[in-house]
Amino acid sequence: MRNRRSIIAAAGFALLAATAPGCSSGEGDDSARTQFPDTAAVTSTTTAGDTAAVSPRAGSDTSAVASLSDWPRPRFDERAADRRRMVATQMRDIESERVLAAMRAVPRHLFVPDHLRRVAYADRPLPIGEGQTISQPYIVAYMTEKLRLEPDDRALEVGTGSGYQAAVLNEFTPHVYTVEILESLGESAARRLAELGYETVETKIADGYYGWEQAAPFDAIIVTAAAGHVPPPLVKQLAPGGRMIVPVGGTYEVQRLILVRKDAGGEVEHESLIPVRFVPLVGHTD
């Protein structure tokens, strides 16, 4: 088990205040300082199929999988060296080269407020407004790796936040759906993803506890806030053979990441992984 890196995932605003320069100590201090970069002014290139090669699942249509590798994903030269350094120093036990390539590709600094851009690639969560955070880079990579995504998978994210995790998922599949209950965050994330060129990510303002029934079933589900239990609606929307990762535990306490698997017959099993700390899932969590 990792040291402090394994237990700090998306800690609340008050925890971050002691470590993030320029951050107020008051939880929920979403003043005018929480301004995101002007993504419309950022220059990027859009590339198809330039992540590491993937292998189709057994029994899948190889030609269909190959064609799906051509969805557009933007590429950014700005701060590429910082991303390479982040991967080299923070992710030594992440084994998937595809995950490491995704973390090197997505411009994390464009998903955090302006005054925190200089620490965007630090080994810590950062506040994004509304008392919410963008998770520590290692945790984003760790959770993504556990999903074992393939290009033909349908992936649901619960808790869009700034849109960073959705952009990382989009490196693996064009079929990304993300739900955010907080309207201001959801709307700004949708604009940011569109402006940056993540064209195939679908966004929705809704209570993520209930998933996205109209788009189900999903081969992968990732929950980016802590629930008191594994939400039954999400288990129901998980496809046979699918995987879900969700932090479970009390509010602002150390929780555990739970990996949920559903086999071909619909049987569900849970595996407890590492201890983490996430902000609470907003909405129906009773």
Protein backbone atom coordinates (compact mmCIF):
# COMPACT_ATOMS: atom_id res chain seq x y z
CA MET A 1 0.00 0.00 0.00
CA ARG A 2 1.25 3.48 -0.87
CA ASN A 3 2.12 6.07 1.76
CA ARG A 4 0.39 9.46 1.86
CA ARG A 5 -0.31 9.30 -1.89
CA SER A 6 -2.68 6.38 -1.37
CA ILE A 7 -4.80 8.13 1.23
CA ILE A 8 -5.22 11.63 -0.17
CA ALA A 9 -7.58 11.60 -3.12
CA ALA A 10 -9.96 14.52 -3.33
CA ALA A 11 -9.84 16.06 0.10
CA GLY A 12 -12.15 18.92 0.97
CA PHE A 13 -11.39 22.62 0.67
CA ALA A 14 -10.36 23.00 4.32
CA LEU A 15 -7.72 20.25 4.06
CA LEU A 16 -6.29 21.82 0.93
CA ALA A 17 -5.97 25.25 2.54
CA ALA A 18 -2.90 24.15 4.45
CA THR A 19 -1.08 23.08 1.29
CA ALA A 20 -2.26 25.09 -1.73
CA PRO A 21 -0.78 28.56 -2.15
CA GLY A 22 -3.33 31.33 -2.60
CA CYS A 23 -6.24 29.25 -1.34
CA SER A 24 -8.55 30.61 1.34
CA SER A 25 -9.12 28.48 4.41
CA GLY A 26 -12.89 28.86 4.30
CA GLU A 27 -14.76 25.88 2.88
CA GLY A 28 -17.04 26.95 0.07
CA ASP A 29 -15.17 30.24 -0.53
CA ASP A 30 -16.04 30.36 -4.21
CA SER A 31 -15.23 34.03 -4.74
CA ALA A 32 -14.13 35.73 -7.93
CA ARG A 33 -10.64 34.23 -7.44
CA THR A 34 -12.01 30.89 -8.68
CA GLN A 35 -11.56 31.73 -12.34
CA PHE A 36 -10.66 29.11 -14.91
CA PRO A 37 -8.29 29.67 -17.86
CA ASP A 38 -9.74 31.04 -21.08
CA THR A 39 -9.87 27.73 -22.92
CA ALA A 40 -11.13 29.34 -26.10
CA ALA A 41 -7.76 31.09 -26.42
CA VAL A 42 -5.72 27.88 -26.09
CA THR A 43 -4.16 26.46 -29.23
CA SER A 44 -4.46 22.72 -29.63
CA THR A 45 -4.24 20.09 -32.30
CA THR A 46 -6.79 17.33 -32.72
CA THR A 47 -5.45 13.86 -33.35
CA ALA A 48 -7.19 10.57 -33.97
CA GLY A 49 -5.99 7.28 -32.58
CA ASP A 50 -2.61 8.33 -31.17
CA THR A 51 -2.82 6.67 -27.79
CA ALA A 52 -1.11 3.33 -27.16
CA ALA A 53 -2.45 0.38 -29.12
CA VAL A 54 -5.28 -1.58 -27.57
CA SER A 55 -6.37 -5.17 -27.86
CA PRO A 56 -10.02 -5.97 -28.59
CA ARG A 57 -11.92 -8.06 -26.08
CA ALA A 58 -12.37 -11.73 -26.82
CA GLY A 59 -15.23 -12.22 -29.23
CA SER A 60 -15.38 -8.57 -30.27
CA ASP A 61 -15.45 -7.32 -33.86
CA THR A 62 -11.85 -6.36 -34.55
CA SER A 63 -12.71 -4.12 -37.51
CA ALA A 64 -15.28 -2.22 -35.44
CA VAL A 65 -12.78 -1.69 -32.64
CA ALA A 66 -10.18 -0.48 -35.11
CA SER A 67 -12.57 2.09 -36.57
CA LEU A 68 -13.38 3.39 -33.10
CA SER A 69 -9.73 4.30 -32.59
CA ASP A 70 -10.26 7.26 -34.91
CA TRP A 71 -12.36 9.54 -32.68
CA PRO A 72 -10.88 13.04 -32.20
CA ARG A 73 -8.78 13.80 -29.14
CA PRO A 74 -7.07 17.16 -28.76
CA ARG A 75 -3.33 17.49 -28.15
CA PHE A 76 -1.59 20.29 -26.26
CA ASP A 77 2.09 21.21 -26.32
CA GLU A 78 1.80 23.71 -23.48
CA ARG A 79 3.31 22.28 -20.26
CA ALA A 80 3.92 18.88 -21.81
CA ALA A 81 7.15 18.64 -19.83
CA ASP A 82 5.22 19.15 -16.60
CA ARG A 83 2.92 16.28 -17.51
CA ARG A 84 5.83 14.01 -18.31
CA ARG A 85 7.42 14.90 -14.98
CA MET A 86 4.13 14.28 -13.16
CA VAL A 87 3.89 10.79 -14.64
CA ALA A 88 7.55 9.99 -13.98
CA THR A 89 7.51 11.07 -10.34
CA GLN A 90 3.99 10.31 -9.11
CA MET A 91 2.88 7.15 -10.92
CA ARG A 92 5.62 4.58 -10.54
CA ASP A 93 3.21 1.74 -9.71
CA ILE A 94 0.69 2.48 -12.48
CA GLU A 95 1.39 -0.35 -14.91
CA SER A 96 -0.84 0.49 -17.88
CA GLU A 97 1.08 2.39 -20.53
CA ARG A 98 -2.26 3.51 -21.96
CA VAL A 99 -3.14 5.16 -18.64
CA LEU A 100 0.27 6.82 -18.43
CA ALA A 101 -0.11 8.06 -22.02
CA ALA A 102 -3.52 9.53 -21.16
CA MET A 103 -2.13 11.34 -18.13
CA ARG A 104 0.65 12.79 -20.30
CA ALA A 105 -1.90 13.92 -22.91
CA VAL A 106 -4.65 15.70 -20.94
CA PRO A 107 -3.79 19.31 -19.94
CA ARG A 108 -4.67 19.29 -16.23
CA HIS A 109 -3.73 22.98 -15.89
CA LEU A 110 -6.69 23.92 -18.10
CA PHE A 111 -9.11 22.22 -15.70
CA VAL A 112 -8.16 24.16 -12.56
CA PRO A 113 -8.81 27.81 -11.58
CA ASP A 114 -6.37 30.43 -12.83
CA HIS A 115 -4.74 31.09 -9.47
CA LEU A 116 -3.88 27.38 -9.09
CA ARG A 117 -2.52 26.73 -12.57
CA ARG A 118 1.08 26.86 -11.38
CA VAL A 119 0.44 23.92 -9.00
CA ALA A 120 -1.83 22.01 -11.37
CA TYR A 121 0.61 19.10 -11.67
CA ALA A 122 1.44 18.86 -7.98
CA ASP A 123 0.79 15.64 -6.07
CA ARG A 124 -2.41 16.89 -4.45
CA PRO A 125 -6.12 17.58 -5.03
CA LEU A 126 -7.13 21.18 -5.83
CA PRO A 127 -10.34 23.16 -5.22
CA ILE A 128 -12.52 23.99 -8.22
CA GLY A 129 -15.37 25.87 -6.53
CA GLU A 130 -18.66 24.91 -4.88
CA GLY A 131 -16.70 23.07 -2.17
CA GLN A 132 -15.57 20.50 -4.76
CA THR A 133 -12.12 19.39 -5.89
CA ILE A 134 -10.18 17.94 -8.80
CA SER A 135 -8.64 14.70 -7.59
CA GLN A 136 -4.93 14.09 -7.06
CA PRO A 137 -3.30 12.96 -10.36
CA TYR A 138 -2.29 9.56 -8.98
CA ILE A 139 -5.85 8.78 -7.89
CA VAL A 140 -7.21 9.74 -11.33
CA ALA A 141 -4.73 7.33 -12.92
CA TYR A 142 -5.34 4.58 -10.34
CA MET A 143 -9.13 4.64 -10.71
CA THR A 144 -8.92 4.82 -14.48
CA GLU A 145 -6.57 1.83 -14.62
CA LYS A 146 -9.00 -0.29 -12.59
CA LEU A 147 -11.72 0.20 -15.21
CA ARG A 148 -9.67 -1.54 -17.96
CA LEU A 149 -11.35 0.52 -20.67
CA GLU A 150 -11.51 -0.51 -24.32
CA PRO A 151 -12.48 1.69 -27.30
CA ASP A 152 -15.95 0.18 -27.67
CA ASP A 153 -16.83 0.62 -23.99
CA ARG A 154 -19.52 2.95 -22.70
CA ALA A 155 -18.24 4.81 -19.63
CA LEU A 156 -20.23 6.79 -17.07
CA GLU A 157 -18.66 9.30 -14.70
CA VAL A 158 -20.64 10.44 -11.65
CA GLY A 159 -19.39 13.87 -10.59
CA THR A 160 -18.14 15.84 -13.60
CA GLY A 161 -16.45 18.54 -11.51
CA SER A 162 -14.11 20.46 -13.81
CA GLY A 163 -14.29 17.82 -16.57
CA TYR A 164 -10.73 16.52 -16.12
CA GLN A 165 -11.60 12.89 -15.38
CA ALA A 166 -14.02 12.83 -18.33
CA ALA A 167 -11.23 14.07 -20.60
CA VAL A 168 -8.96 11.29 -19.33
CA LEU A 169 -11.68 8.69 -19.99
CA ASN A 170 -12.09 10.09 -23.49
CA GLU A 171 -8.52 9.00 -24.25
CA PHE A 172 -9.77 5.39 -24.10
CA THR A 173 -13.26 5.54 -25.58
CA PRO A 174 -15.44 8.03 -27.46
CA HIS A 175 -18.47 6.86 -25.47
CA VAL A 176 -18.11 8.96 -22.31
CA TYR A 177 -21.12 10.17 -20.32
CA THR A 178 -20.68 12.41 -17.30
CA VAL A 179 -23.23 13.66 -14.77
CA GLU A 180 -22.92 16.62 -12.39
CA ILE A 181 -25.57 17.68 -9.86
CA LEU A 182 -24.14 21.18 -9.29
CA GLU A 183 -25.39 23.28 -12.18
CA SER A 184 -22.59 25.86 -12.19
CA LEU A 185 -19.89 23.18 -12.30
CA GLY A 186 -21.72 21.07 -14.85
CA GLU A 187 -22.30 23.95 -17.23
CA SER A 188 -18.74 25.27 -17.02
CA ALA A 189 -17.30 21.77 -17.48
CA ALA A 190 -19.47 21.19 -20.56
CA ARG A 191 -18.22 24.45 -22.10
CA ARG A 192 -14.61 23.65 -21.21
CA LEU A 193 -14.72 20.16 -22.70
CA ALA A 194 -16.28 21.48 -25.90
CA GLU A 195 -13.84 24.39 -26.24
CA LEU A 196 -10.84 22.14 -25.67
CA GLY A 197 -12.00 19.69 -28.35
CA TYR A 198 -13.39 16.73 -26.39
CA GLU A 199 -16.19 16.43 -28.89
CA THR A 200 -17.64 13.04 -28.01
CA VAL A 201 -18.11 13.55 -24.25
CA GLU A 202 -21.80 13.78 -23.30
CA THR A 203 -22.66 15.91 -20.24
CA LYS A 204 -25.77 16.17 -18.11
CA ILE A 205 -26.96 18.13 -15.05
CA ALA A 206 -28.62 15.57 -12.77
CA ASP A 207 -28.29 13.61 -9.54
CA GLY A 208 -25.55 11.12 -10.36
CA TYR A 209 -26.70 8.72 -7.65
CA TYR A 210 -29.31 7.60 -10.18
CA GLY A 211 -26.85 7.33 -13.04
CA TRP A 212 -27.94 8.00 -16.63
CA GLU A 213 -30.62 5.43 -17.32
CA GLN A 214 -31.30 6.53 -20.89
CA ALA A 215 -27.67 5.86 -21.87
CA ALA A 216 -27.27 2.61 -19.90
CA PRO A 217 -25.95 -0.03 -19.74
CA PHE A 218 -22.35 0.99 -19.09
CA ASP A 219 -19.24 -1.15 -19.32
CA ALA A 220 -17.48 1.12 -16.82
CA ILE A 221 -18.68 3.49 -14.11
CA ILE A 222 -16.46 5.80 -12.07
CA VAL A 223 -17.77 7.77 -9.09
CA THR A 224 -15.62 10.73 -8.09
CA ALA A 225 -17.21 11.56 -4.72
CA ALA A 226 -17.75 9.45 -1.62
CA ALA A 227 -21.07 7.69 -1.09
CA GLY A 228 -22.28 6.09 2.12
CA HIS A 229 -22.81 2.88 0.14
CA VAL A 230 -22.54 1.60 -3.42
CA PRO A 231 -25.56 3.19 -5.18
CA PRO A 232 -27.98 0.43 -6.32
CA PRO A 233 -29.09 2.36 -9.45
CA LEU A 234 -25.47 2.37 -10.65
CA VAL A 235 -25.11 -1.36 -10.05
CA LYS A 236 -28.28 -1.90 -12.07
CA GLN A 237 -26.90 0.18 -14.95
CA LEU A 238 -23.61 -1.73 -15.02
CA ALA A 239 -23.46 -4.08 -18.00
CA PRO A 240 -22.62 -7.77 -17.62
CA GLY A 241 -18.83 -7.97 -17.55
CA GLY A 242 -18.69 -4.34 -16.41
CA ARG A 243 -16.61 -2.71 -13.67
CA MET A 244 -17.38 0.19 -11.35
CA ILE A 245 -15.05 2.02 -8.96
CA VAL A 246 -16.51 4.12 -6.17
CA PRO A 247 -15.23 5.61 -2.89
CA VAL A 248 -17.40 4.50 0.03
CA GLY A 249 -17.37 5.87 3.54
CA GLY A 250 -18.36 8.70 5.84
CA THR A 251 -18.26 12.38 4.97
CA TYR A 252 -14.77 13.91 5.23
CA GLU A 253 -13.40 10.72 6.77
CA VAL A 254 -11.03 8.20 5.30
CA GLN A 255 -13.02 6.02 2.95
CA ARG A 256 -12.09 3.05 0.77
CA LEU A 257 -12.20 2.62 -2.96
CA ILE A 258 -14.53 -0.24 -3.84
CA LEU A 259 -14.24 -2.10 -7.14
CA VAL A 260 -17.57 -3.59 -8.22
CA ARG A 261 -17.63 -6.30 -10.88
CA LYS A 262 -20.68 -7.78 -12.57
CA ASP A 263 -20.15 -11.11 -14.29
CA ALA A 264 -21.80 -12.36 -17.46
CA GLY A 265 -24.62 -13.87 -15.43
CA GLY A 266 -25.35 -10.66 -13.55
CA GLU A 267 -23.71 -11.71 -10.27
CA VAL A 268 -22.03 -8.83 -8.47
CA GLU A 269 -18.88 -8.88 -6.34
CA HIS A 270 -17.14 -6.12 -4.37
CA GLU A 271 -13.43 -5.73 -3.73
CA SER A 272 -12.03 -3.25 -1.21
CA LEU A 273 -8.95 -1.47 -2.53
CA ILE A 274 -7.00 1.44 -1.02
CA PRO A 275 -7.97 4.03 1.62
CA VAL A 276 -8.83 7.45 0.18
CA ARG A 277 -10.46 10.73 1.12
CA PHE A 278 -13.05 12.28 -1.19
CA VAL A 279 -15.59 15.05 -0.85
CA PRO A 280 -19.11 13.66 -0.27
CA LEU A 281 -21.44 12.71 -3.09
CA VAL A 282 -24.03 15.47 -3.34
CA GLY A 283 -27.64 14.38 -3.78
CA HIS A 284 -29.51 11.26 -2.69
CA THR A 285 -27.01 9.27 -0.67
CA ASP A 286 -29.29 7.85 2.04
